[in-house]
Amino acid sequence: MLIPINVVTNHKNLKYFCTIKVLTYQQAHWSELLSQFNLFIRFHPGKLSTKPDALTRHWDVYPKGENTGYALVNSHNF
């Protein structure tokens, strides 16, 4: 049983990504990868946003001493 994941995005094209009939090679690859998850994509316009998301602004999810550009998962966050 897959746990439902709610994705809130300000990219409107992601809302319709799953309903597109003709996909490019890259889109087909991502569609196949994302189909392994129980995703619910909801569009929220950026102009209506008031606060940045907590994960990308949280200091302890990034590796210290390195600037890899990737966030790490902290087990205490879950």
N, C-alpha and C. Protein backbone atom coordinates (compact mmCIF):
# COMPACT_ATOMS: atom_id res chain seq x y z
N MET A 1 0.84 -1.18 0.00
CA MET A 1 0.00 0.00 0.00
C MET A 1 0.89 1.25 0.00
N LEU A 2 0.63 2.11 -0.93
CA LEU A 2 1.41 3.34 -1.04
C LEU A 2 0.81 4.44 -0.19
N ILE A 3 1.66 5.16 0.49
CA ILE A 3 1.21 6.29 1.29
C ILE A 3 0.96 7.47 0.36
N PRO A 4 -0.20 8.13 0.45
CA PRO A 4 -0.46 9.27 -0.42
C PRO A 4 0.47 10.45 -0.10
N ILE A 5 0.98 11.07 -1.14
CA ILE A 5 1.87 12.22 -1.01
C ILE A 5 1.22 13.41 -1.68
N ASN A 6 0.96 14.45 -0.91
CA ASN A 6 0.38 15.68 -1.46
C ASN A 6 1.51 16.60 -1.90
N VAL A 7 1.51 16.97 -3.17
CA VAL A 7 2.51 17.87 -3.72
C VAL A 7 1.81 19.18 -4.04
N VAL A 8 2.25 20.25 -3.40
CA VAL A 8 1.71 21.58 -3.67
C VAL A 8 2.78 22.33 -4.44
N THR A 9 2.43 22.80 -5.63
CA THR A 9 3.41 23.44 -6.49
C THR A 9 2.85 24.72 -7.10
N ASN A 10 3.77 25.60 -7.48
CA ASN A 10 3.34 26.80 -8.20
C ASN A 10 3.63 26.66 -9.69
N HIS A 11 3.96 25.45 -10.13
CA HIS A 11 4.18 25.16 -11.54
C HIS A 11 2.92 24.52 -12.10
N LYS A 12 2.11 25.31 -12.79
CA LYS A 12 0.81 24.84 -13.25
C LYS A 12 0.92 23.67 -14.23
N ASN A 13 2.02 23.62 -14.99
CA ASN A 13 2.16 22.54 -15.96
C ASN A 13 2.25 21.16 -15.30
N LEU A 14 2.69 21.08 -14.04
CA LEU A 14 2.75 19.79 -13.35
C LEU A 14 1.36 19.24 -13.05
N LYS A 15 0.39 20.12 -12.91
CA LYS A 15 -0.98 19.69 -12.63
C LYS A 15 -1.53 18.86 -13.80
N TYR A 16 -1.15 19.21 -15.00
CA TYR A 16 -1.66 18.53 -16.19
C TYR A 16 -0.69 17.50 -16.75
N PHE A 17 0.43 17.30 -16.10
CA PHE A 17 1.46 16.39 -16.60
C PHE A 17 0.93 14.97 -16.77
N CYS A 18 0.13 14.52 -15.84
CA CYS A 18 -0.37 13.13 -15.87
C CYS A 18 -1.46 12.91 -16.90
N THR A 19 -2.03 13.98 -17.46
CA THR A 19 -3.11 13.84 -18.42
C THR A 19 -2.66 14.02 -19.87
N ILE A 20 -1.39 14.34 -20.08
CA ILE A 20 -0.86 14.53 -21.44
C ILE A 20 -0.77 13.17 -22.13
N LYS A 21 -1.25 13.10 -23.37
CA LYS A 21 -1.26 11.82 -24.10
C LYS A 21 0.04 11.56 -24.84
N VAL A 22 0.66 12.59 -25.42
CA VAL A 22 1.91 12.43 -26.17
C VAL A 22 3.03 13.06 -25.35
N LEU A 23 4.01 12.24 -24.97
CA LEU A 23 5.11 12.71 -24.14
C LEU A 23 6.43 12.63 -24.88
N THR A 24 7.35 13.51 -24.53
CA THR A 24 8.71 13.41 -25.06
C THR A 24 9.40 12.27 -24.32
N TYR A 25 10.60 11.92 -24.75
CA TYR A 25 11.35 10.84 -24.11
C TYR A 25 11.60 11.16 -22.64
N GLN A 26 12.02 12.39 -22.36
CA GLN A 26 12.31 12.78 -20.97
C GLN A 26 11.03 12.77 -20.12
N GLN A 27 9.93 13.26 -20.68
CA GLN A 27 8.67 13.27 -19.95
C GLN A 27 8.19 11.85 -19.67
N ALA A 28 8.36 10.95 -20.63
CA ALA A 28 7.96 9.56 -20.44
C ALA A 28 8.79 8.91 -19.33
N HIS A 29 10.08 9.23 -19.30
CA HIS A 29 10.96 8.71 -18.25
C HIS A 29 10.48 9.17 -16.88
N TRP A 30 10.21 10.48 -16.73
CA TRP A 30 9.76 11.01 -15.44
C TRP A 30 8.37 10.49 -15.08
N SER A 31 7.51 10.34 -16.07
CA SER A 31 6.18 9.82 -15.81
C SER A 31 6.25 8.40 -15.27
N GLU A 32 7.12 7.58 -15.86
CA GLU A 32 7.28 6.21 -15.40
C GLU A 32 7.86 6.18 -13.98
N LEU A 33 8.82 7.04 -13.71
CA LEU A 33 9.42 7.09 -12.38
C LEU A 33 8.41 7.56 -11.33
N LEU A 34 7.67 8.62 -11.64
CA LEU A 34 6.71 9.16 -10.68
C LEU A 34 5.49 8.27 -10.48
N SER A 35 5.22 7.38 -11.44
CA SER A 35 4.06 6.49 -11.31
C SER A 35 4.25 5.47 -10.19
N GLN A 36 5.47 5.34 -9.69
CA GLN A 36 5.74 4.43 -8.58
C GLN A 36 5.26 4.98 -7.25
N PHE A 37 4.86 6.25 -7.24
CA PHE A 37 4.43 6.92 -6.02
C PHE A 37 2.96 7.30 -6.12
N ASN A 38 2.32 7.44 -4.99
CA ASN A 38 0.91 7.83 -4.92
C ASN A 38 0.85 9.35 -4.74
N LEU A 39 1.07 10.09 -5.83
CA LEU A 39 1.16 11.54 -5.78
C LEU A 39 -0.17 12.21 -6.09
N PHE A 40 -0.48 13.25 -5.34
CA PHE A 40 -1.60 14.13 -5.62
C PHE A 40 -1.03 15.52 -5.83
N ILE A 41 -1.04 15.99 -7.07
CA ILE A 41 -0.44 17.28 -7.40
C ILE A 41 -1.51 18.35 -7.36
N ARG A 42 -1.26 19.38 -6.55
CA ARG A 42 -2.20 20.49 -6.42
C ARG A 42 -1.48 21.79 -6.76
N PHE A 43 -2.09 22.59 -7.61
CA PHE A 43 -1.51 23.87 -8.02
C PHE A 43 -1.91 24.96 -7.04
N HIS A 44 -0.92 25.73 -6.62
CA HIS A 44 -1.15 26.89 -5.75
C HIS A 44 -0.35 28.05 -6.35
N PRO A 45 -1.02 29.08 -6.88
CA PRO A 45 -0.30 30.18 -7.53
C PRO A 45 0.74 30.81 -6.60
N GLY A 46 1.91 31.08 -7.15
CA GLY A 46 2.99 31.68 -6.36
C GLY A 46 2.63 33.03 -5.78
N LYS A 47 1.81 33.79 -6.49
CA LYS A 47 1.46 35.11 -5.98
C LYS A 47 0.57 35.04 -4.74
N LEU A 48 -0.05 33.87 -4.50
CA LEU A 48 -0.87 33.70 -3.30
C LEU A 48 -0.06 33.17 -2.11
N SER A 49 1.18 32.77 -2.36
CA SER A 49 2.03 32.24 -1.29
C SER A 49 2.46 33.37 -0.36
N THR A 50 2.52 33.05 0.93
CA THR A 50 2.93 34.06 1.90
C THR A 50 4.26 33.74 2.57
N LYS A 51 4.58 32.45 2.74
CA LYS A 51 5.83 32.06 3.39
C LYS A 51 6.55 31.02 2.52
N PRO A 52 7.88 31.03 2.53
CA PRO A 52 8.62 29.99 1.81
C PRO A 52 8.44 28.64 2.51
N ASP A 53 8.63 27.56 1.76
CA ASP A 53 8.46 26.25 2.37
C ASP A 53 9.57 26.00 3.40
N ALA A 54 9.23 25.27 4.42
CA ALA A 54 10.13 25.08 5.56
C ALA A 54 11.34 24.23 5.22
N LEU A 55 11.20 23.23 4.37
CA LEU A 55 12.31 22.32 4.11
C LEU A 55 13.48 23.02 3.43
N THR A 56 13.22 23.82 2.42
CA THR A 56 14.32 24.47 1.72
C THR A 56 14.92 25.61 2.52
N ARG A 57 14.24 26.09 3.54
CA ARG A 57 14.76 27.17 4.37
C ARG A 57 15.36 26.66 5.69
N HIS A 58 15.28 25.36 5.92
CA HIS A 58 15.75 24.79 7.18
C HIS A 58 17.25 24.56 7.10
N TRP A 59 18.02 25.09 8.03
CA TRP A 59 19.47 25.06 7.98
C TRP A 59 20.06 23.67 8.19
N ASP A 60 19.40 22.79 8.91
CA ASP A 60 20.02 21.51 9.27
C ASP A 60 19.81 20.39 8.25
N VAL A 61 19.22 20.67 7.10
CA VAL A 61 19.06 19.63 6.09
C VAL A 61 20.17 19.66 5.05
N TYR A 62 21.06 20.63 5.13
CA TYR A 62 22.15 20.75 4.17
C TYR A 62 23.45 20.27 4.79
N PRO A 63 24.30 19.62 4.01
CA PRO A 63 25.57 19.13 4.55
C PRO A 63 26.47 20.30 4.97
N LYS A 64 27.21 20.11 6.05
CA LYS A 64 28.10 21.15 6.53
C LYS A 64 29.43 21.08 5.78
N GLY A 65 29.98 22.23 5.45
CA GLY A 65 31.29 22.28 4.81
C GLY A 65 31.26 22.06 3.31
N GLU A 66 30.19 21.55 2.80
CA GLU A 66 30.08 21.30 1.37
C GLU A 66 28.88 22.07 0.83
N ASN A 67 28.99 22.52 -0.37
CA ASN A 67 27.86 23.17 -1.02
C ASN A 67 27.46 22.32 -2.22
N THR A 68 26.80 21.19 -1.95
CA THR A 68 26.43 20.27 -3.01
C THR A 68 25.15 20.68 -3.71
N GLY A 69 24.35 21.52 -3.08
CA GLY A 69 23.09 21.93 -3.68
C GLY A 69 21.96 20.95 -3.43
N TYR A 70 22.22 19.89 -2.66
CA TYR A 70 21.19 18.89 -2.39
C TYR A 70 20.81 18.91 -0.92
N ALA A 71 19.54 18.71 -0.65
CA ALA A 71 19.07 18.61 0.73
C ALA A 71 19.18 17.17 1.19
N LEU A 72 19.55 16.98 2.43
CA LEU A 72 19.61 15.65 3.02
C LEU A 72 18.38 15.43 3.87
N VAL A 73 18.04 14.17 4.06
CA VAL A 73 16.88 13.84 4.88
C VAL A 73 17.35 13.63 6.32
N ASN A 74 16.79 14.37 7.23
CA ASN A 74 17.04 14.17 8.66
C ASN A 74 15.95 13.28 9.21
N SER A 75 16.33 12.19 9.86
CA SER A 75 15.33 11.25 10.36
C SER A 75 14.45 11.87 11.44
N HIS A 76 14.96 12.86 12.18
CA HIS A 76 14.14 13.48 13.23
C HIS A 76 13.05 14.38 12.65
N ASN A 77 13.11 14.68 11.36
CA ASN A 77 12.07 15.49 10.72
C ASN A 77 10.83 14.66 10.38
N PHE A 78 10.95 13.34 10.47
CA PHE A 78 9.84 12.49 10.07
C PHE A 78 9.25 11.76 11.23
